[in-house]
Amino acid sequence: MLRAILNITFSIAGLILRVIAWVLPIYFIVKLVLPQNKYVLLASKYVEWLMAPTRDILGRLFPRLATTGLDLSPLALWILVLVAQWVLQLIRSILL
């Protein structure tokens, strides 16, 4: 019973992380090509709340980067999501 619950929980968490890992690069590329598209602006409401904490942390860690105007928060968040996927798979293989 517990094994089934853990399996479902890991599957749902893995699915959420996979969706985020796909949405971030697609959003970033589309935003570069069509920055004022109404669908991009709508998607930015949902993606921006994920990137804001990452942007704040990067701004504190690398203050000179913030002055250049280069926003690396999508890349940093994407890498964090990939690491989280790896850690989730590692924990899943240990527990199950």
Protein backbone atom coordinates (compact mmCIF):
# COMPACT_ATOMS: atom_id res chain seq x y z
CA MET A 1 0.00 0.00 0.00
CA LEU A 2 2.72 2.46 0.99
CA ARG A 3 4.77 1.42 -2.01
CA ALA A 4 1.86 2.20 -4.34
CA ILE A 5 1.32 5.62 -2.76
CA LEU A 6 5.03 6.43 -3.04
CA ASN A 7 5.05 5.26 -6.65
CA ILE A 8 2.11 7.50 -7.53
CA THR A 9 3.66 10.45 -5.69
CA PHE A 10 6.99 10.05 -7.47
CA SER A 11 5.21 9.67 -10.81
CA ILE A 12 3.21 12.87 -10.33
CA ALA A 13 6.25 14.83 -9.15
CA GLY A 14 8.27 13.52 -12.11
CA LEU A 15 5.52 14.50 -14.53
CA ILE A 16 5.34 18.03 -13.11
CA LEU A 17 9.12 18.42 -13.36
CA ARG A 18 9.12 17.09 -16.96
CA VAL A 19 6.41 19.56 -17.96
CA ILE A 20 8.35 22.44 -16.39
CA ALA A 21 11.55 21.25 -18.10
CA TRP A 22 9.79 21.41 -21.47
CA VAL A 23 7.82 24.60 -20.91
CA LEU A 24 10.79 26.75 -19.85
CA PRO A 25 12.88 26.49 -23.05
CA ILE A 26 9.81 26.74 -25.28
CA TYR A 27 8.60 29.81 -23.42
CA PHE A 28 12.04 31.41 -23.56
CA ILE A 29 12.42 30.87 -27.32
CA VAL A 30 8.89 32.04 -28.14
CA LYS A 31 9.38 35.10 -25.93
CA LEU A 32 12.51 36.01 -27.88
CA VAL A 33 10.73 35.66 -31.22
CA LEU A 34 7.31 37.10 -30.32
CA PRO A 35 7.70 39.23 -27.18
CA GLN A 36 4.36 41.07 -27.45
CA ASN A 37 2.15 38.15 -28.44
CA LYS A 38 -0.94 37.91 -26.24
CA TYR A 39 -0.35 34.21 -25.56
CA VAL A 40 3.25 34.85 -24.54
CA LEU A 41 2.08 37.60 -22.21
CA LEU A 42 -0.51 35.22 -20.75
CA ALA A 43 2.09 32.46 -20.29
CA SER A 44 4.49 34.91 -18.65
CA LYS A 45 2.03 35.32 -15.77
CA TYR A 46 2.45 31.64 -14.98
CA VAL A 47 6.15 31.23 -15.75
CA GLU A 48 7.33 34.46 -14.15
CA TRP A 49 6.43 33.39 -10.61
CA LEU A 50 8.84 30.47 -11.08
CA MET A 51 11.67 32.64 -12.39
CA ALA A 52 11.35 35.52 -9.90
CA PRO A 53 12.97 33.74 -6.92
CA THR A 54 15.73 32.41 -9.17
CA ARG A 55 16.32 35.92 -10.52
CA ASP A 56 16.55 37.31 -6.97
CA ILE A 57 19.05 34.66 -5.89
CA LEU A 58 21.18 35.20 -9.00
CA GLY A 59 21.07 38.96 -8.40
CA ARG A 60 22.37 38.47 -4.86
CA LEU A 61 25.04 35.97 -5.87
CA PHE A 62 26.22 37.86 -8.95
CA PRO A 63 25.43 41.57 -8.54
CA ARG A 64 27.43 42.57 -11.62
CA LEU A 65 25.27 40.29 -13.72
CA ALA A 66 22.17 42.27 -12.75
CA THR A 67 23.72 45.49 -14.02
CA THR A 68 24.40 44.02 -17.48
CA GLY A 69 20.72 43.38 -18.16
CA LEU A 70 21.40 39.73 -19.00
CA ASP A 71 18.73 37.52 -17.48
CA LEU A 72 20.00 34.00 -16.84
CA SER A 73 17.13 32.99 -14.58
CA PRO A 74 15.43 30.74 -17.20
CA LEU A 75 18.68 28.85 -17.74
CA ALA A 76 19.37 28.58 -14.00
CA LEU A 77 15.82 27.43 -13.30
CA TRP A 78 16.00 24.88 -16.12
CA ILE A 79 19.23 23.46 -14.67
CA LEU A 80 17.64 23.33 -11.20
CA VAL A 81 14.65 21.44 -12.60
CA LEU A 82 16.95 18.94 -14.32
CA VAL A 83 18.87 18.43 -11.06
CA ALA A 84 15.57 18.00 -9.19
CA GLN A 85 14.52 15.36 -11.73
CA TRP A 86 17.79 13.52 -11.21
CA VAL A 87 17.47 13.67 -7.40
CA LEU A 88 13.85 12.48 -7.61
CA GLN A 89 14.87 9.51 -9.75
CA LEU A 90 17.71 8.73 -7.33
CA ILE A 91 15.40 8.81 -4.30
CA ARG A 92 12.81 6.76 -6.16
CA SER A 93 15.34 4.08 -7.06
CA ILE A 94 16.55 3.93 -3.45
CA LEU A 95 13.09 3.71 -1.88
CA LEU A 96 11.32 1.55 -4.43
